[in-house]
Amino acid sequence: MSEIISKFTTKIIIALDYSDKNKAFKLIDYLDPAIYRLKIGKKMFSIFGKPFIIQLKNLGFDIFLDLKFHDIPNTVFGAVSAAADLGVWMISIHISGGSKMLQAAKLALNSFKKDIPLLIGITVLTSFNEQDLREIGVNSSIANQVLMLSTLAKKNGLDGVVCPGTESMNIKKKLGFNFKVISPAIRLKEDPAYDQQTVITPSLAKKFNVDYIVVGRTVTFSKNPLHTLKEINSFL
């Protein structure tokens, strides 16, 4: 295990969350697709749709389509199939949809013979604390809930999970180092937490063996995004 850990590298996904495509490209134009992947969530996909995904793919970027599908199995089957048709690199679904939904999502990828997207499960949002969990009827700690949902995801064939970076090592130890962990809410020490409850620095993400960090406002709100990315890279 120590050999696996010593060779571990954490990679960067940049979360784009712009209303103006031109502003997005002021950043994108300076990014090397061999180094950075891009996350497109509900906001940009709702505004710019399929043509924007294709445009980014034509520039050579791997795309994490983070729409967090959560619905009845048949609906999620169709949504995952449509997302995979776009040629994206990674797709997210909510693990709390249950085994039947997870199996339907996995089944939707069976017809794709090459460039099959990674199917990643959402555990507990980083904006949640344990009071938020209790409010929705979950009487568990963040750590236990994340591990329970991650175990369910692996049991149903998903490739990994999105979770607070603080839980990464526990997941790796219990579910294996090949099971991918993606951690949002990445902040440099001087950055505000915004609406996130569980934030983590890039250096801790590396220490905890997070596979991919998702960096959003720390970069997109920065007065000098390229300098900020250089600083983040220095910790990885």
Protein backbone atom coordinates (compact mmCIF):
# COMPACT_ATOMS: atom_id res chain seq x y z
CA MET A 1 0.00 0.00 0.00
CA SER A 2 2.84 2.41 0.78
CA GLU A 3 4.13 2.02 -2.78
CA ILE A 4 0.69 2.93 -4.16
CA ILE A 5 0.53 6.00 -1.93
CA SER A 6 4.04 7.16 -2.87
CA LYS A 7 3.17 7.12 -6.57
CA PHE A 8 -0.17 8.87 -6.06
CA THR A 9 -0.84 12.08 -7.95
CA THR A 10 -3.78 14.44 -7.52
CA LYS A 11 -5.16 16.07 -10.68
CA ILE A 12 -7.15 19.26 -11.15
CA ILE A 13 -10.68 19.70 -12.49
CA ILE A 14 -11.72 23.33 -12.96
CA ALA A 15 -15.38 24.03 -12.25
CA LEU A 16 -16.70 26.56 -14.74
CA ASP A 17 -19.73 28.45 -13.48
CA TYR A 18 -20.14 31.45 -15.75
CA SER A 19 -23.23 33.06 -17.26
CA ASP A 20 -21.09 34.67 -19.97
CA LYS A 21 -19.29 32.29 -22.33
CA ASN A 22 -16.75 34.99 -23.28
CA LYS A 23 -15.70 35.32 -19.63
CA ALA A 24 -15.30 31.56 -19.44
CA PHE A 25 -13.03 31.54 -22.48
CA LYS A 26 -10.80 34.24 -20.99
CA LEU A 27 -9.74 31.48 -18.60
CA ILE A 28 -10.13 28.45 -20.89
CA ASP A 29 -7.92 29.94 -23.59
CA TYR A 30 -4.95 29.86 -21.21
CA LEU A 31 -5.49 26.29 -20.00
CA ASP A 32 -3.63 23.24 -21.25
CA PRO A 33 -6.10 20.35 -21.78
CA ALA A 34 -3.26 17.92 -21.11
CA ILE A 35 -3.14 19.23 -17.53
CA TYR A 36 -6.63 20.45 -16.67
CA ARG A 37 -10.08 18.93 -17.01
CA LEU A 38 -13.26 21.02 -16.99
CA LYS A 39 -16.44 20.55 -14.98
CA ILE A 40 -19.71 21.75 -16.46
CA GLY A 41 -22.60 21.86 -14.02
CA LYS A 42 -26.28 22.71 -14.15
CA LYS A 43 -25.84 26.45 -14.73
CA MET A 44 -23.63 26.43 -17.82
CA PHE A 45 -25.27 23.35 -19.31
CA SER A 46 -28.70 24.93 -18.90
CA ILE A 47 -27.54 28.12 -20.62
CA PHE A 48 -25.27 26.80 -23.36
CA GLY A 49 -26.19 23.12 -23.70
CA LYS A 50 -24.74 20.49 -26.01
CA PRO A 51 -22.92 22.87 -28.42
CA PHE A 52 -20.78 24.19 -25.56
CA ILE A 53 -19.73 20.67 -24.54
CA ILE A 54 -18.78 19.88 -28.13
CA GLN A 55 -16.86 23.16 -28.41
CA LEU A 56 -14.79 22.32 -25.32
CA LYS A 57 -14.21 18.76 -26.48
CA ASN A 58 -12.96 20.04 -29.84
CA LEU A 59 -10.35 22.02 -27.90
CA GLY A 60 -9.14 18.75 -26.41
CA PHE A 61 -10.62 18.99 -22.90
CA ASP A 62 -11.97 16.08 -20.89
CA ILE A 63 -15.38 17.12 -19.56
CA PHE A 64 -16.91 16.21 -16.22
CA LEU A 65 -20.63 16.67 -16.83
CA ASP A 66 -21.83 17.26 -13.29
CA LEU A 67 -25.62 17.23 -13.53
CA LYS A 68 -26.10 14.94 -10.50
CA PHE A 69 -28.87 12.81 -11.98
CA HIS A 70 -31.37 11.56 -9.38
CA ASP A 71 -34.68 10.14 -10.55
CA ILE A 72 -36.50 6.89 -11.22
CA PRO A 73 -34.29 4.22 -12.87
CA ASN A 74 -35.76 4.56 -16.37
CA THR A 75 -35.29 8.34 -16.41
CA VAL A 76 -31.72 8.10 -15.17
CA PHE A 77 -30.98 5.39 -17.74
CA GLY A 78 -32.02 7.79 -20.52
CA ALA A 79 -30.18 10.76 -19.01
CA VAL A 80 -26.90 8.86 -18.59
CA SER A 81 -27.16 7.46 -22.12
CA ALA A 82 -27.73 10.97 -23.53
CA ALA A 83 -24.80 12.36 -21.53
CA ALA A 84 -22.52 9.56 -22.70
CA ASP A 85 -23.52 10.31 -26.30
CA LEU A 86 -21.89 13.72 -25.84
CA GLY A 87 -18.53 12.01 -25.39
CA VAL A 88 -17.93 13.37 -21.91
CA TRP A 89 -15.24 11.91 -19.67
CA MET A 90 -17.20 11.72 -16.41
CA ILE A 91 -20.88 11.76 -15.36
CA SER A 92 -22.31 12.25 -11.87
CA ILE A 93 -25.38 10.68 -10.28
CA HIS A 94 -26.75 10.76 -6.73
CA ILE A 95 -26.05 7.50 -4.88
CA SER A 96 -29.09 8.16 -2.70
CA GLY A 97 -31.23 7.17 -5.69
CA GLY A 98 -30.60 3.59 -4.57
CA SER A 99 -29.34 0.37 -6.13
CA LYS A 100 -31.96 0.08 -8.87
CA MET A 101 -31.20 3.58 -10.09
CA LEU A 102 -27.43 2.99 -9.91
CA GLN A 103 -27.75 -0.25 -11.85
CA ALA A 104 -29.84 1.48 -14.51
CA ALA A 105 -27.19 4.18 -14.87
CA LYS A 106 -24.46 1.57 -15.25
CA LEU A 107 -26.57 -0.40 -17.74
CA ALA A 108 -26.96 2.74 -19.87
CA LEU A 109 -23.21 2.65 -20.57
CA ASN A 110 -23.15 -0.97 -21.79
CA SER A 111 -23.77 -0.01 -25.40
CA PHE A 112 -20.70 2.23 -25.51
CA LYS A 113 -17.73 0.23 -26.76
CA LYS A 114 -15.00 2.86 -26.35
CA ASP A 115 -14.45 6.12 -24.47
CA ILE A 116 -16.91 4.97 -21.82
CA PRO A 117 -17.45 7.79 -19.31
CA LEU A 118 -16.56 7.31 -15.67
CA LEU A 119 -19.73 7.00 -13.59
CA ILE A 120 -19.27 8.86 -10.31
CA GLY A 121 -21.64 8.93 -7.34
CA ILE A 122 -22.49 11.93 -5.20
CA THR A 123 -22.29 11.13 -1.48
CA VAL A 124 -22.85 14.07 0.90
CA LEU A 125 -22.66 17.61 -0.45
CA THR A 126 -19.81 19.69 0.95
CA SER A 127 -22.35 22.38 1.87
CA PHE A 128 -23.87 19.96 4.42
CA ASN A 129 -23.11 19.60 8.10
CA GLU A 130 -24.57 16.97 10.43
CA GLN A 131 -27.49 19.20 11.37
CA ASP A 132 -28.41 19.36 7.67
CA LEU A 133 -28.33 15.56 7.54
CA ARG A 134 -30.67 15.29 10.53
CA GLU A 135 -33.02 17.80 8.91
CA ILE A 136 -33.57 15.38 6.00
CA GLY A 137 -33.94 12.37 8.29
CA VAL A 138 -30.38 11.01 8.23
CA ASN A 139 -29.25 10.23 11.78
CA SER A 140 -25.64 9.55 10.95
CA SER A 141 -22.31 11.34 10.99
CA ILE A 142 -20.95 12.81 7.78
CA ALA A 143 -18.15 10.23 7.82
CA ASN A 144 -20.47 7.24 8.26
CA GLN A 145 -22.94 8.48 5.66
CA VAL A 146 -20.20 9.07 3.10
CA LEU A 147 -18.73 5.61 3.66
CA MET A 148 -22.14 3.91 3.51
CA LEU A 149 -23.03 5.61 0.23
CA SER A 150 -19.55 5.00 -1.21
CA THR A 151 -19.84 1.30 -0.37
CA LEU A 152 -23.23 1.19 -2.13
CA ALA A 153 -21.71 2.91 -5.16
CA LYS A 154 -18.87 0.41 -5.44
CA LYS A 155 -21.23 -2.54 -4.93
CA ASN A 156 -23.23 -1.34 -7.94
CA GLY A 157 -20.25 -0.87 -10.24
CA LEU A 158 -19.61 2.87 -10.08
CA ASP A 159 -16.07 4.09 -10.69
CA GLY A 160 -15.84 6.39 -7.69
CA VAL A 161 -17.49 9.10 -5.64
CA VAL A 162 -17.62 12.81 -5.00
CA CYS A 163 -17.14 13.49 -1.30
CA PRO A 164 -15.50 15.85 1.19
CA GLY A 165 -11.75 15.44 0.89
CA THR A 166 -11.51 14.71 4.61
CA GLU A 167 -13.16 11.33 3.95
CA SER A 168 -10.90 10.25 1.10
CA MET A 169 -8.37 8.15 3.03
CA ASN A 170 -11.10 6.24 4.85
CA ILE A 171 -12.76 5.42 1.52
CA LYS A 172 -9.46 4.36 -0.05
CA LYS A 173 -8.61 2.10 2.89
CA LYS A 174 -12.06 0.46 2.95
CA LEU A 175 -12.85 0.29 -0.78
CA GLY A 176 -9.44 0.21 -2.47
CA PHE A 177 -7.06 2.71 -3.99
CA ASN A 178 -8.45 2.17 -7.50
CA PHE A 179 -11.85 3.49 -6.42
CA LYS A 180 -11.74 7.14 -7.42
CA VAL A 181 -12.35 10.04 -5.06
CA ILE A 182 -13.23 13.48 -6.38
CA SER A 183 -13.20 16.31 -3.85
CA PRO A 184 -14.83 19.73 -4.32
CA ALA A 185 -14.61 22.72 -1.94
CA ILE A 186 -10.88 23.17 -2.49
CA ARG A 187 -9.58 26.37 -0.95
CA LEU A 188 -6.25 28.06 -0.41
CA LYS A 189 -5.73 29.09 3.21
CA GLU A 190 -6.60 32.72 2.56
CA ASP A 191 -9.83 31.96 0.69
CA PRO A 192 -13.34 32.28 2.18
CA ALA A 193 -15.37 29.08 2.53
CA TYR A 194 -18.42 30.70 0.85
CA ASP A 195 -21.38 28.32 1.30
CA GLN A 196 -19.22 25.24 1.91
CA GLN A 197 -19.10 23.50 5.29
CA THR A 198 -16.26 21.09 4.53
CA VAL A 199 -13.32 22.71 2.78
CA ILE A 200 -9.86 21.31 2.21
CA THR A 201 -6.55 22.73 0.97
CA PRO A 202 -4.74 21.30 -2.07
CA SER A 203 -1.89 20.02 0.12
CA LEU A 204 -4.32 18.10 2.36
CA ALA A 205 -6.06 16.71 -0.73
CA LYS A 206 -2.74 15.26 -1.83
CA LYS A 207 -2.03 13.92 1.66
CA PHE A 208 -5.45 12.23 1.76
CA ASN A 209 -4.96 10.67 -1.72
CA VAL A 210 -7.79 12.50 -3.46
CA ASP A 211 -7.68 11.53 -7.15
CA TYR A 212 -9.16 14.76 -8.51
CA ILE A 213 -9.73 18.10 -6.83
CA VAL A 214 -12.49 20.31 -8.17
CA VAL A 215 -11.42 23.95 -8.03
CA GLY A 216 -14.10 26.55 -8.65
CA ARG A 217 -14.40 29.97 -7.07
CA THR A 218 -10.83 29.92 -5.76
CA VAL A 219 -9.79 30.19 -9.42
CA THR A 220 -12.78 31.74 -11.18
CA PHE A 221 -13.10 34.55 -8.59
CA SER A 222 -9.35 35.15 -8.52
CA LYS A 223 -7.96 38.44 -9.84
CA ASN A 224 -5.13 36.38 -11.36
CA PRO A 225 -6.47 32.87 -12.09
CA LEU A 226 -3.25 31.62 -13.72
CA HIS A 227 -1.17 32.65 -10.71
CA THR A 228 -3.70 30.93 -8.43
CA LEU A 229 -3.51 27.74 -10.50
CA LYS A 230 0.27 27.87 -10.34
CA GLU A 231 0.05 28.12 -6.56
CA ILE A 232 -2.38 25.19 -6.36
CA ASN A 233 -0.12 23.07 -8.57
CA SER A 234 2.82 23.78 -6.27
CA PHE A 235 1.07 21.80 -3.52
CA LEU A 236 0.32 18.72 -5.64
